[in-house]
């Protein structure tokens, strides 16, 4: 393996490291307000440097780049490959940041849901119920006006906190 190929591979490796740091939240190349896109994004730098290094290394090996002219040609091939990769990285990063998502469920979303008792609810104190929130099972503490046995179906009438509810026993047939 030629020295030029090793150098190009090292440059590609730097691009991978920059990408890893960007994925971990390090905004290395953002200037100005943290919420605004800077002139150069981490995704663009990672995409460009990584694609440049690896494409130039491949071209250098295929061209048997031992002369300055051939090394320059390999670098040109790397730059030509790096520009569209950097563009796509910026577009994908922007799409991921501006993606619409569902609202985060709140305790008020628990009111009116059906559940099942998984730890008996005593006369005074808390048991546990399993509810479905956003299609996912959620276990919360529950209290009621009277004792409710394990396996009983319940209806949530109040949510005094994010982790506790007030329930009433129902005879509804449902799977939870």
C-alpha atoms as a PDB file:
ATOM      1  CA  UNK A   1       0.000   0.000   0.000  1.00  0.00           C
ATOM      2  CA  UNK A   2       1.399   3.388  -1.010  1.00  0.00           C
ATOM      3  CA  UNK A   3       1.940   6.251   1.390  1.00  0.00           C
ATOM      4  CA  UNK A   4      -0.660   8.319  -0.459  1.00  0.00           C
ATOM      5  CA  UNK A   5      -3.260   5.591   0.064  1.00  0.00           C
ATOM      6  CA  UNK A   6      -2.479   5.436   3.772  1.00  0.00           C
ATOM      7  CA  UNK A   7      -2.804   9.221   4.051  1.00  0.00           C
ATOM      8  CA  UNK A   8      -6.133   9.163   2.178  1.00  0.00           C
ATOM      9  CA  UNK A   9      -7.398   6.352   4.428  1.00  0.00           C
ATOM     10  CA  UNK A  10      -6.382   8.384   7.487  1.00  0.00           C
ATOM     11  CA  UNK A  11      -8.332  11.364   6.122  1.00  0.00           C
ATOM     12  CA  UNK A  12     -11.364   9.089   5.640  1.00  0.00           C
ATOM     13  CA  UNK A  13     -10.927   7.875   9.209  1.00  0.00           C
ATOM     14  CA  UNK A  14     -10.986  11.474  10.434  1.00  0.00           C
ATOM     15  CA  UNK A  15     -14.313  11.860   8.634  1.00  0.00           C
ATOM     16  CA  UNK A  16     -15.669   8.839  10.495  1.00  0.00           C
ATOM     17  CA  UNK A  17     -14.474  10.304  13.814  1.00  0.00           C
ATOM     18  CA  UNK A  18     -16.142  13.649  13.027  1.00  0.00           C
ATOM     19  CA  UNK A  19     -19.337  11.771  12.160  1.00  0.00           C
ATOM     20  CA  UNK A  20     -19.197   9.854  15.455  1.00  0.00           C
ATOM     21  CA  UNK A  21     -18.717  13.082  17.398  1.00  0.00           C
ATOM     22  CA  UNK A  22     -21.608  14.653  15.519  1.00  0.00           C
ATOM     23  CA  UNK A  23     -23.859  11.719  16.346  1.00  0.00           C
ATOM     24  CA  UNK A  24     -22.895  12.074  19.999  1.00  0.00           C
ATOM     25  CA  UNK A  25     -24.063  15.690  19.927  1.00  0.00           C
ATOM     26  CA  UNK A  26     -20.800  17.602  19.548  1.00  0.00           C
ATOM     27  CA  UNK A  27     -21.526  20.558  17.306  1.00  0.00           C
ATOM     28  CA  UNK A  28     -17.923  21.086  16.248  1.00  0.00           C
ATOM     29  CA  UNK A  29     -18.506  23.392  13.329  1.00  0.00           C
ATOM     30  CA  UNK A  30     -21.570  25.399  14.352  1.00  0.00           C
ATOM     31  CA  UNK A  31     -21.056  29.105  14.810  1.00  0.00           C
ATOM     32  CA  UNK A  32     -23.506  31.589  16.256  1.00  0.00           C
ATOM     33  CA  UNK A  33     -26.710  30.590  18.018  1.00  0.00           C
ATOM     34  CA  UNK A  34     -26.789  26.853  18.879  1.00  0.00           C
ATOM     35  CA  UNK A  35     -30.269  26.405  17.407  1.00  0.00           C
ATOM     36  CA  UNK A  36     -29.349  27.934  14.050  1.00  0.00           C
ATOM     37  CA  UNK A  37     -27.545  26.174  11.255  1.00  0.00           C
ATOM     38  CA  UNK A  38     -24.008  27.461  11.033  1.00  0.00           C
ATOM     39  CA  UNK A  39     -22.144  28.041   7.780  1.00  0.00           C
ATOM     40  CA  UNK A  40     -20.709  24.507   7.928  1.00  0.00           C
ATOM     41  CA  UNK A  41     -22.491  21.639   9.648  1.00  0.00           C
ATOM     42  CA  UNK A  42     -20.915  18.617  11.291  1.00  0.00           C
ATOM     43  CA  UNK A  43     -22.729  16.373   8.819  1.00  0.00           C
ATOM     44  CA  UNK A  44     -21.250  18.251   5.850  1.00  0.00           C
ATOM     45  CA  UNK A  45     -17.708  18.060   7.215  1.00  0.00           C
ATOM     46  CA  UNK A  46     -18.016  14.377   8.112  1.00  0.00           C
ATOM     47  CA  UNK A  47     -19.551  13.477   4.769  1.00  0.00           C
ATOM     48  CA  UNK A  48     -17.028  15.449   2.746  1.00  0.00           C
ATOM     49  CA  UNK A  49     -13.897  14.386   4.625  1.00  0.00           C
ATOM     50  CA  UNK A  50     -14.910  10.735   4.873  1.00  0.00           C
ATOM     51  CA  UNK A  51     -15.962  10.398   1.241  1.00  0.00           C
ATOM     52  CA  UNK A  52     -12.924  12.349   0.053  1.00  0.00           C
ATOM     53  CA  UNK A  53     -10.480  10.188   1.976  1.00  0.00           C
ATOM     54  CA  UNK A  54     -11.968   6.821   1.116  1.00  0.00           C
ATOM     55  CA  UNK A  55     -12.717   7.620  -2.551  1.00  0.00           C
ATOM     56  CA  UNK A  56      -9.222   9.071  -3.026  1.00  0.00           C
ATOM     57  CA  UNK A  57      -7.695   5.976  -1.415  1.00  0.00           C
ATOM     58  CA  UNK A  58      -9.606   3.704  -3.786  1.00  0.00           C
ATOM     59  CA  UNK A  59      -8.676   5.856  -6.779  1.00  0.00           C
ATOM     60  CA  UNK A  60      -5.052   5.975  -5.646  1.00  0.00           C
ATOM     61  CA  UNK A  61      -4.865   2.204  -5.509  1.00  0.00           C
ATOM     62  CA  UNK A  62      -6.614   1.747  -8.847  1.00  0.00           C
ATOM     63  CA  UNK A  63      -4.355   4.333 -10.512  1.00  0.00           C
ATOM     64  CA  UNK A  64      -1.234   3.065  -8.736  1.00  0.00           C
ATOM     65  CA  UNK A  65      -0.654   6.655  -7.601  1.00  0.00           C
ATOM     66  CA  UNK A  66       3.086   7.008  -7.011  1.00  0.00           C
ATOM     67  CA  UNK A  67       3.726  10.287  -8.837  1.00  0.00           C
ATOM     68  CA  UNK A  68       2.443  13.722  -7.788  1.00  0.00           C
ATOM     69  CA  UNK A  69       0.277  13.895 -10.911  1.00  0.00           C
ATOM     70  CA  UNK A  70      -1.446  10.576 -10.153  1.00  0.00           C
ATOM     71  CA  UNK A  71      -1.845  11.493  -6.462  1.00  0.00           C
ATOM     72  CA  UNK A  72      -3.448  14.758  -7.583  1.00  0.00           C
ATOM     73  CA  UNK A  73      -5.760  12.845  -9.889  1.00  0.00           C
ATOM     74  CA  UNK A  74      -6.725  10.527  -7.025  1.00  0.00           C
ATOM     75  CA  UNK A  75      -7.425  13.596  -4.858  1.00  0.00           C
ATOM     76  CA  UNK A  76      -9.583  15.062  -7.635  1.00  0.00           C
ATOM     77  CA  UNK A  77     -11.586  11.827  -7.811  1.00  0.00           C
ATOM     78  CA  UNK A  78     -11.986  11.999  -4.021  1.00  0.00           C
ATOM     79  CA  UNK A  79     -13.222  15.602  -4.200  1.00  0.00           C
ATOM     80  CA  UNK A  80     -15.657  14.728  -6.982  1.00  0.00           C
ATOM     81  CA  UNK A  81     -17.076  11.911  -4.832  1.00  0.00           C
ATOM     82  CA  UNK A  82     -17.114  14.041  -1.675  1.00  0.00           C
ATOM     83  CA  UNK A  83     -19.280  16.914  -2.938  1.00  0.00           C
ATOM     84  CA  UNK A  84     -22.492  14.931  -3.526  1.00  0.00           C
ATOM     85  CA  UNK A  85     -21.963  12.966  -0.298  1.00  0.00           C
ATOM     86  CA  UNK A  86     -21.615  16.200   1.704  1.00  0.00           C
ATOM     87  CA  UNK A  87     -24.744  17.606   0.032  1.00  0.00           C
ATOM     88  CA  UNK A  88     -26.748  14.475   0.836  1.00  0.00           C
ATOM     89  CA  UNK A  89     -25.452  14.443   4.420  1.00  0.00           C
ATOM     90  CA  UNK A  90     -26.643  18.025   4.932  1.00  0.00           C
ATOM     91  CA  UNK A  91     -30.048  17.253   3.412  1.00  0.00           C
ATOM     92  CA  UNK A  92     -30.515  14.094   5.504  1.00  0.00           C
ATOM     93  CA  UNK A  93     -29.389  15.875   8.686  1.00  0.00           C
ATOM     94  CA  UNK A  94     -31.801  18.733   8.064  1.00  0.00           C
ATOM     95  CA  UNK A  95     -34.642  16.288   7.338  1.00  0.00           C
ATOM     96  CA  UNK A  96     -33.949  14.422  10.584  1.00  0.00           C
ATOM     97  CA  UNK A  97     -33.877  17.632  12.648  1.00  0.00           C
ATOM     98  CA  UNK A  98     -37.133  18.986  11.215  1.00  0.00           C
ATOM     99  CA  UNK A  99     -39.043  15.679  11.219  1.00  0.00           C
ATOM    100  CA  UNK A 100     -42.536  15.933  12.667  1.00  0.00           C
ATOM    101  CA  UNK A 101     -43.210  13.654  15.624  1.00  0.00           C
ATOM    102  CA  UNK A 102     -46.201  12.810  17.779  1.00  0.00           C
ATOM    103  CA  UNK A 103     -46.752  14.806  20.929  1.00  0.00           C
ATOM    104  CA  UNK A 104     -45.314  13.370  24.127  1.00  0.00           C
ATOM    105  CA  UNK A 105     -48.085  11.773  26.216  1.00  0.00           C
ATOM    106  CA  UNK A 106     -48.973  13.617  29.411  1.00  0.00           C
ATOM    107  CA  UNK A 107     -50.733  12.460  32.546  1.00  0.00           C
ATOM    108  CA  UNK A 108     -53.995  13.938  31.249  1.00  0.00           C
ATOM    109  CA  UNK A 109     -53.825  11.422  28.383  1.00  0.00           C
ATOM    110  CA  UNK A 110     -54.236   8.622  30.964  1.00  0.00           C
ATOM    111  CA  UNK A 111     -57.659   9.907  32.031  1.00  0.00           C
ATOM    112  CA  UNK A 112     -60.363   7.921  30.260  1.00  0.00           C
ATOM    113  CA  UNK A 113     -58.186   4.932  29.395  1.00  0.00           C
ATOM    114  CA  UNK A 114     -58.946   1.339  30.285  1.00  0.00           C
ATOM    115  CA  UNK A 115     -56.513  -0.874  32.138  1.00  0.00           C
ATOM    116  CA  UNK A 116     -56.072  -4.028  34.137  1.00  0.00           C
ATOM    117  CA  UNK A 117     -54.982  -4.415  37.773  1.00  0.00           C
ATOM    118  CA  UNK A 118     -51.597  -6.163  38.059  1.00  0.00           C
ATOM    119  CA  UNK A 119     -51.046  -5.600  41.794  1.00  0.00           C
ATOM    120  CA  UNK A 120     -54.206  -5.622  43.976  1.00  0.00           C
ATOM    121  CA  UNK A 121     -55.447  -2.190  45.029  1.00  0.00           C
ATOM    122  CA  UNK A 122     -56.089  -2.136  48.799  1.00  0.00           C
ATOM    123  CA  UNK A 123     -58.758  -0.104  50.611  1.00  0.00           C
ATOM    124  CA  UNK A 124     -56.175   2.464  51.727  1.00  0.00           C
ATOM    125  CA  UNK A 125     -53.062   2.728  49.563  1.00  0.00           C
ATOM    126  CA  UNK A 126     -51.825   1.962  46.115  1.00  0.00           C
ATOM    127  CA  UNK A 127     -51.754  -1.037  43.819  1.00  0.00           C
ATOM    128  CA  UNK A 128     -50.620  -1.128  40.208  1.00  0.00           C
ATOM    129  CA  UNK A 129     -52.437  -1.087  36.883  1.00  0.00           C
ATOM    130  CA  UNK A 130     -51.282  -1.586  33.293  1.00  0.00           C
ATOM    131  CA  UNK A 131     -52.590   0.955  30.789  1.00  0.00           C
ATOM    132  CA  UNK A 132     -51.901   1.487  27.089  1.00  0.00           C
ATOM    133  CA  UNK A 133     -50.426   4.870  26.186  1.00  0.00           C
ATOM    134  CA  UNK A 134     -49.582   5.473  22.553  1.00  0.00           C
ATOM    135  CA  UNK A 135     -49.869   1.746  21.883  1.00  0.00           C
ATOM    136  CA  UNK A 136     -47.337   0.869  24.584  1.00  0.00           C
ATOM    137  CA  UNK A 137     -48.076  -0.802  27.928  1.00  0.00           C
ATOM    138  CA  UNK A 138     -47.458   1.507  30.890  1.00  0.00           C
ATOM    139  CA  UNK A 139     -47.452   0.424  34.531  1.00  0.00           C
ATOM    140  CA  UNK A 140     -48.581   3.074  37.042  1.00  0.00           C
ATOM    141  CA  UNK A 141     -49.586   3.187  40.688  1.00  0.00           C
ATOM    142  CA  UNK A 142     -53.329   3.194  41.262  1.00  0.00           C
ATOM    143  CA  UNK A 143     -55.754   3.844  44.072  1.00  0.00           C
ATOM    144  CA  UNK A 144     -59.512   3.450  44.277  1.00  0.00           C
ATOM    145  CA  UNK A 145     -62.462   4.088  46.613  1.00  0.00           C
ATOM    146  CA  UNK A 146     -62.693   0.365  47.373  1.00  0.00           C
ATOM    147  CA  UNK A 147     -60.356  -2.651  47.050  1.00  0.00           C
ATOM    148  CA  UNK A 148     -59.924  -4.072  43.541  1.00  0.00           C
ATOM    149  CA  UNK A 149     -58.472  -7.567  42.966  1.00  0.00           C
ATOM    150  CA  UNK A 150     -55.720  -8.520  40.545  1.00  0.00           C
ATOM    151  CA  UNK A 151     -56.925  -9.036  36.965  1.00  0.00           C
ATOM    152  CA  UNK A 152     -59.896  -6.686  37.315  1.00  0.00           C
ATOM    153  CA  UNK A 153     -60.586  -4.253  34.501  1.00  0.00           C
ATOM    154  CA  UNK A 154     -60.490  -0.577  35.481  1.00  0.00           C
ATOM    155  CA  UNK A 155     -61.283   2.842  34.063  1.00  0.00           C
ATOM    156  CA  UNK A 156     -59.000   5.816  34.881  1.00  0.00           C
ATOM    157  CA  UNK A 157     -60.997   8.743  36.286  1.00  0.00           C
ATOM    158  CA  UNK A 158     -58.132  10.963  37.460  1.00  0.00           C
ATOM    159  CA  UNK A 159     -54.352  11.286  37.165  1.00  0.00           C
ATOM    160  CA  UNK A 160     -53.010  13.134  40.224  1.00  0.00           C
ATOM    161  CA  UNK A 161     -49.394  12.679  39.054  1.00  0.00           C
ATOM    162  CA  UNK A 162     -47.377  11.329  36.126  1.00  0.00           C
ATOM    163  CA  UNK A 163     -47.015   7.963  37.877  1.00  0.00           C
ATOM    164  CA  UNK A 164     -50.341   7.493  39.661  1.00  0.00           C
ATOM    165  CA  UNK A 165     -54.008   7.303  38.765  1.00  0.00           C
ATOM    166  CA  UNK A 166     -57.395   6.984  40.427  1.00  0.00           C
ATOM    167  CA  UNK A 167     -59.477   4.152  38.968  1.00  0.00           C
ATOM    168  CA  UNK A 168     -62.914   2.565  39.126  1.00  0.00           C
ATOM    169  CA  UNK A 169     -63.608  -1.091  38.424  1.00  0.00           C
ATOM    170  CA  UNK A 170     -65.494  -1.880  35.222  1.00  0.00           C
ATOM    171  CA  UNK A 171     -66.865  -5.004  33.649  1.00  0.00           C
ATOM    172  CA  UNK A 172     -65.497  -4.082  30.198  1.00  0.00           C
ATOM    173  CA  UNK A 173     -64.001  -6.903  28.189  1.00  0.00           C
ATOM    174  CA  UNK A 174     -60.740  -5.780  26.594  1.00  0.00           C
ATOM    175  CA  UNK A 175     -57.197  -6.963  26.149  1.00  0.00           C
ATOM    176  CA  UNK A 176     -54.359  -4.966  27.696  1.00  0.00           C
END
